[in-house]
Amino acid sequence: MRKNDKKLDNALRQTLTEVCEFALDHCEGYQWISHTVNYNNFPQSLRITCMFKDQQSADNEAQQGQLLQMIVNRLNSLSIQLKKPKQQICFESE
């Protein structure tokens, strides 16, 4: 991983941690967030997964769009713009 990739990854993890803390308090059934990325194809390769306790909670949050919009806004503040946020951010259940 290049030095710039490490800096970007640290900023990305910090931002997603902030989103996680918000979601734990405000999104019913929310459990955790994770991401995968290939920095050779960034930001197109960025995938963010929001995990919920059940599929109904995940579906409800996906329909409301509050968490998705928050993630997009936070990434924009880092100058990371997702071309297809609804495909790159997914809501799943365990």
N, C-alpha and C. Protein backbone atom coordinates (compact mmCIF):
# COMPACT_ATOMS: atom_id res chain seq x y z
N MET A 1 0.85 -1.18 0.00
CA MET A 1 0.00 0.00 0.00
C MET A 1 0.90 1.25 0.00
N ARG A 2 0.59 2.15 -0.88
CA ARG A 2 1.37 3.39 -0.97
C ARG A 2 1.04 4.31 0.20
N LYS A 3 1.92 5.26 0.44
CA LYS A 3 1.74 6.20 1.55
C LYS A 3 0.43 6.97 1.43
N ASN A 4 0.11 7.43 0.23
CA ASN A 4 -1.16 8.15 0.02
C ASN A 4 -2.36 7.25 0.26
N ASP A 5 -2.24 5.97 -0.11
CA ASP A 5 -3.32 5.01 0.12
C ASP A 5 -3.56 4.84 1.62
N LYS A 6 -2.49 4.79 2.39
CA LYS A 6 -2.62 4.64 3.85
C LYS A 6 -3.32 5.84 4.46
N LYS A 7 -2.94 7.03 4.01
CA LYS A 7 -3.59 8.24 4.51
C LYS A 7 -5.07 8.25 4.17
N LEU A 8 -5.38 7.89 2.95
CA LEU A 8 -6.77 7.84 2.52
C LEU A 8 -7.55 6.78 3.30
N ASP A 9 -6.94 5.62 3.50
CA ASP A 9 -7.60 4.56 4.25
C ASP A 9 -7.86 4.98 5.69
N ASN A 10 -6.91 5.66 6.31
CA ASN A 10 -7.12 6.14 7.68
C ASN A 10 -8.27 7.14 7.74
N ALA A 11 -8.32 8.06 6.79
CA ALA A 11 -9.40 9.04 6.76
C ALA A 11 -10.74 8.35 6.51
N LEU A 12 -10.74 7.37 5.63
CA LEU A 12 -11.96 6.62 5.33
C LEU A 12 -12.45 5.87 6.56
N ARG A 13 -11.54 5.19 7.25
CA ARG A 13 -11.92 4.45 8.46
C ARG A 13 -12.44 5.38 9.54
N GLN A 14 -11.82 6.54 9.72
CA GLN A 14 -12.28 7.50 10.72
C GLN A 14 -13.69 7.99 10.39
N THR A 15 -13.92 8.29 9.13
CA THR A 15 -15.24 8.76 8.71
C THR A 15 -16.29 7.68 8.90
N LEU A 16 -15.99 6.45 8.53
CA LEU A 16 -16.95 5.36 8.70
C LEU A 16 -17.19 5.05 10.17
N THR A 17 -16.19 5.26 11.02
CA THR A 17 -16.37 5.09 12.47
C THR A 17 -17.37 6.12 12.99
N GLU A 18 -17.28 7.35 12.53
CA GLU A 18 -18.23 8.38 12.92
C GLU A 18 -19.64 8.03 12.46
N VAL A 19 -19.76 7.54 11.25
CA VAL A 19 -21.07 7.10 10.74
C VAL A 19 -21.60 5.97 11.61
N CYS A 20 -20.74 5.03 11.96
CA CYS A 20 -21.13 3.89 12.78
C CYS A 20 -21.67 4.35 14.13
N GLU A 21 -20.97 5.27 14.78
CA GLU A 21 -21.41 5.77 16.08
C GLU A 21 -22.78 6.43 15.99
N PHE A 22 -23.00 7.20 14.93
CA PHE A 22 -24.31 7.81 14.72
C PHE A 22 -25.38 6.74 14.52
N ALA A 23 -25.09 5.79 13.65
CA ALA A 23 -26.08 4.76 13.30
C ALA A 23 -26.44 3.89 14.50
N LEU A 24 -25.48 3.61 15.36
CA LEU A 24 -25.77 2.80 16.56
C LEU A 24 -26.83 3.47 17.42
N ASP A 25 -26.83 4.80 17.45
CA ASP A 25 -27.80 5.54 18.27
C ASP A 25 -29.10 5.85 17.54
N HIS A 26 -29.09 5.89 16.21
CA HIS A 26 -30.24 6.41 15.48
C HIS A 26 -30.90 5.46 14.48
N CYS A 27 -30.30 4.33 14.19
CA CYS A 27 -30.86 3.42 13.18
C CYS A 27 -31.23 2.10 13.84
N GLU A 28 -32.50 1.80 13.82
CA GLU A 28 -32.99 0.58 14.47
C GLU A 28 -32.38 -0.67 13.83
N GLY A 29 -31.83 -1.52 14.68
CA GLY A 29 -31.29 -2.79 14.23
C GLY A 29 -29.88 -2.72 13.67
N TYR A 30 -29.31 -1.52 13.59
CA TYR A 30 -27.96 -1.37 13.05
C TYR A 30 -26.95 -2.04 13.97
N GLN A 31 -25.93 -2.70 13.37
CA GLN A 31 -24.91 -3.37 14.16
C GLN A 31 -23.50 -2.89 13.88
N TRP A 32 -23.09 -2.86 12.62
CA TRP A 32 -21.73 -2.44 12.29
C TRP A 32 -21.59 -2.08 10.82
N ILE A 33 -20.43 -1.51 10.49
CA ILE A 33 -20.13 -1.09 9.12
C ILE A 33 -18.73 -1.60 8.74
N SER A 34 -18.56 -1.94 7.49
CA SER A 34 -17.23 -2.33 7.00
C SER A 34 -17.07 -1.86 5.56
N HIS A 35 -15.85 -1.94 5.08
CA HIS A 35 -15.60 -1.54 3.70
C HIS A 35 -14.49 -2.39 3.10
N THR A 36 -14.53 -2.48 1.80
CA THR A 36 -13.45 -3.09 1.03
C THR A 36 -13.11 -2.13 -0.10
N VAL A 37 -11.86 -2.16 -0.51
CA VAL A 37 -11.44 -1.25 -1.57
C VAL A 37 -10.16 -1.76 -2.21
N ASN A 38 -10.05 -1.50 -3.50
CA ASN A 38 -8.81 -1.72 -4.23
C ASN A 38 -8.34 -0.32 -4.64
N TYR A 39 -7.27 0.14 -4.01
CA TYR A 39 -6.83 1.52 -4.25
C TYR A 39 -6.30 1.75 -5.66
N ASN A 40 -6.06 0.70 -6.41
CA ASN A 40 -5.68 0.86 -7.81
C ASN A 40 -6.88 1.26 -8.66
N ASN A 41 -8.08 1.09 -8.13
CA ASN A 41 -9.32 1.43 -8.84
C ASN A 41 -10.25 2.18 -7.90
N PHE A 42 -9.72 3.22 -7.29
CA PHE A 42 -10.47 3.98 -6.30
C PHE A 42 -11.05 5.23 -6.94
N PRO A 43 -12.26 5.63 -6.67
CA PRO A 43 -13.22 5.12 -5.69
C PRO A 43 -14.22 4.11 -6.25
N GLN A 44 -14.08 3.75 -7.52
CA GLN A 44 -15.05 2.83 -8.12
C GLN A 44 -15.09 1.48 -7.39
N SER A 45 -13.97 1.06 -6.83
CA SER A 45 -13.92 -0.25 -6.17
C SER A 45 -14.39 -0.21 -4.72
N LEU A 46 -14.66 0.96 -4.18
CA LEU A 46 -15.08 1.08 -2.78
C LEU A 46 -16.46 0.46 -2.59
N ARG A 47 -16.56 -0.45 -1.64
CA ARG A 47 -17.82 -1.09 -1.26
C ARG A 47 -17.99 -0.94 0.24
N ILE A 48 -19.11 -0.42 0.65
CA ILE A 48 -19.41 -0.21 2.07
C ILE A 48 -20.61 -1.07 2.42
N THR A 49 -20.48 -1.82 3.50
CA THR A 49 -21.56 -2.70 3.96
C THR A 49 -22.02 -2.26 5.33
N CYS A 50 -23.31 -2.00 5.46
CA CYS A 50 -23.93 -1.69 6.74
C CYS A 50 -24.71 -2.93 7.17
N MET A 51 -24.36 -3.46 8.33
CA MET A 51 -24.96 -4.71 8.79
C MET A 51 -26.03 -4.42 9.84
N PHE A 52 -27.16 -5.11 9.68
CA PHE A 52 -28.29 -4.97 10.59
C PHE A 52 -28.64 -6.32 11.20
N LYS A 53 -29.39 -6.28 12.30
CA LYS A 53 -29.71 -7.53 13.01
C LYS A 53 -30.67 -8.40 12.23
N ASP A 54 -31.51 -7.80 11.39
CA ASP A 54 -32.44 -8.58 10.57
C ASP A 54 -32.68 -7.88 9.24
N GLN A 55 -33.21 -8.62 8.30
CA GLN A 55 -33.39 -8.08 6.95
C GLN A 55 -34.42 -6.96 6.91
N GLN A 56 -35.43 -7.03 7.77
CA GLN A 56 -36.45 -5.98 7.79
C GLN A 56 -35.82 -4.63 8.17
N SER A 57 -34.95 -4.63 9.17
CA SER A 57 -34.27 -3.39 9.56
C SER A 57 -33.40 -2.88 8.42
N ALA A 58 -32.69 -3.78 7.75
CA ALA A 58 -31.84 -3.39 6.63
C ALA A 58 -32.68 -2.80 5.49
N ASP A 59 -33.79 -3.46 5.18
CA ASP A 59 -34.67 -2.97 4.11
C ASP A 59 -35.27 -1.62 4.46
N ASN A 60 -35.69 -1.44 5.71
CA ASN A 60 -36.26 -0.17 6.14
C ASN A 60 -35.26 0.97 5.99
N GLU A 61 -34.03 0.72 6.41
CA GLU A 61 -33.01 1.76 6.31
C GLU A 61 -32.67 2.05 4.85
N ALA A 62 -32.62 1.04 4.02
CA ALA A 62 -32.34 1.24 2.60
C ALA A 62 -33.43 2.09 1.96
N GLN A 63 -34.69 1.88 2.35
CA GLN A 63 -35.80 2.66 1.79
C GLN A 63 -35.78 4.10 2.29
N GLN A 64 -35.48 4.29 3.57
CA GLN A 64 -35.45 5.64 4.12
C GLN A 64 -34.31 6.47 3.53
N GLY A 65 -33.17 5.84 3.35
CA GLY A 65 -32.06 6.52 2.71
C GLY A 65 -31.25 7.45 3.59
N GLN A 66 -31.61 7.59 4.86
CA GLN A 66 -30.91 8.51 5.75
C GLN A 66 -29.44 8.13 5.92
N LEU A 67 -29.18 6.87 6.20
CA LEU A 67 -27.81 6.42 6.42
C LEU A 67 -27.00 6.48 5.13
N LEU A 68 -27.59 6.09 4.02
CA LEU A 68 -26.91 6.17 2.74
C LEU A 68 -26.50 7.61 2.43
N GLN A 69 -27.42 8.54 2.64
CA GLN A 69 -27.12 9.94 2.37
C GLN A 69 -26.04 10.48 3.30
N MET A 70 -26.07 10.04 4.55
CA MET A 70 -25.04 10.47 5.49
C MET A 70 -23.66 9.98 5.05
N ILE A 71 -23.59 8.72 4.62
CA ILE A 71 -22.32 8.16 4.15
C ILE A 71 -21.82 8.93 2.93
N VAL A 72 -22.70 9.18 1.98
CA VAL A 72 -22.33 9.92 0.77
C VAL A 72 -21.83 11.32 1.14
N ASN A 73 -22.53 12.00 2.04
CA ASN A 73 -22.13 13.35 2.45
C ASN A 73 -20.77 13.34 3.14
N ARG A 74 -20.56 12.37 4.02
CA ARG A 74 -19.27 12.28 4.73
C ARG A 74 -18.14 11.97 3.75
N LEU A 75 -18.39 11.10 2.80
CA LEU A 75 -17.36 10.81 1.80
C LEU A 75 -17.07 12.03 0.93
N ASN A 76 -18.12 12.77 0.58
CA ASN A 76 -17.94 14.00 -0.20
C ASN A 76 -17.05 14.99 0.55
N SER A 77 -17.18 15.03 1.88
CA SER A 77 -16.35 15.94 2.67
C SER A 77 -14.87 15.56 2.60
N LEU A 78 -14.59 14.31 2.23
CA LEU A 78 -13.21 13.84 2.02
C LEU A 78 -12.82 13.93 0.54
N SER A 79 -13.68 14.53 -0.27
CA SER A 79 -13.50 14.61 -1.73
C SER A 79 -13.54 13.24 -2.38
N ILE A 80 -14.34 12.35 -1.80
CA ILE A 80 -14.57 11.02 -2.38
C ILE A 80 -15.99 11.02 -2.91
N GLN A 81 -16.14 10.91 -4.21
CA GLN A 81 -17.46 10.92 -4.81
C GLN A 81 -17.74 9.57 -5.44
N LEU A 82 -18.80 8.94 -4.96
CA LEU A 82 -19.21 7.65 -5.49
C LEU A 82 -20.08 7.88 -6.72
N LYS A 83 -19.77 7.19 -7.80
CA LYS A 83 -20.57 7.33 -9.02
C LYS A 83 -21.89 6.59 -8.91
N LYS A 84 -21.89 5.47 -8.19
CA LYS A 84 -23.10 4.66 -8.03
C LYS A 84 -23.29 4.29 -6.56
N PRO A 85 -23.66 5.27 -5.73
CA PRO A 85 -23.75 5.01 -4.29
C PRO A 85 -24.72 3.90 -3.90
N LYS A 86 -25.82 3.76 -4.62
CA LYS A 86 -26.78 2.71 -4.27
C LYS A 86 -26.24 1.32 -4.56
N GLN A 87 -25.25 1.23 -5.41
CA GLN A 87 -24.61 -0.06 -5.69
C GLN A 87 -23.38 -0.27 -4.82
N GLN A 88 -22.75 0.82 -4.41
CA GLN A 88 -21.52 0.73 -3.64
C GLN A 88 -21.75 0.69 -2.13
N ILE A 89 -22.93 1.07 -1.69
CA ILE A 89 -23.29 1.02 -0.27
C ILE A 89 -24.45 0.05 -0.14
N CYS A 90 -24.26 -1.02 0.61
CA CYS A 90 -25.33 -2.00 0.73
C CYS A 90 -25.73 -2.19 2.19
N PHE A 91 -26.97 -2.60 2.37
CA PHE A 91 -27.56 -2.84 3.68
C PHE A 91 -27.91 -4.31 3.76
N GLU A 92 -27.29 -5.01 4.70
CA GLU A 92 -27.46 -6.45 4.81
C GLU A 92 -27.78 -6.84 6.24
N SER A 93 -28.17 -8.10 6.40
CA SER A 93 -28.42 -8.64 7.74
C SER A 93 -27.57 -9.89 7.93
N GLU A 94 -27.30 -10.19 9.19
CA GLU A 94 -26.48 -11.37 9.49
C GLU A 94 -27.28 -12.64 9.40
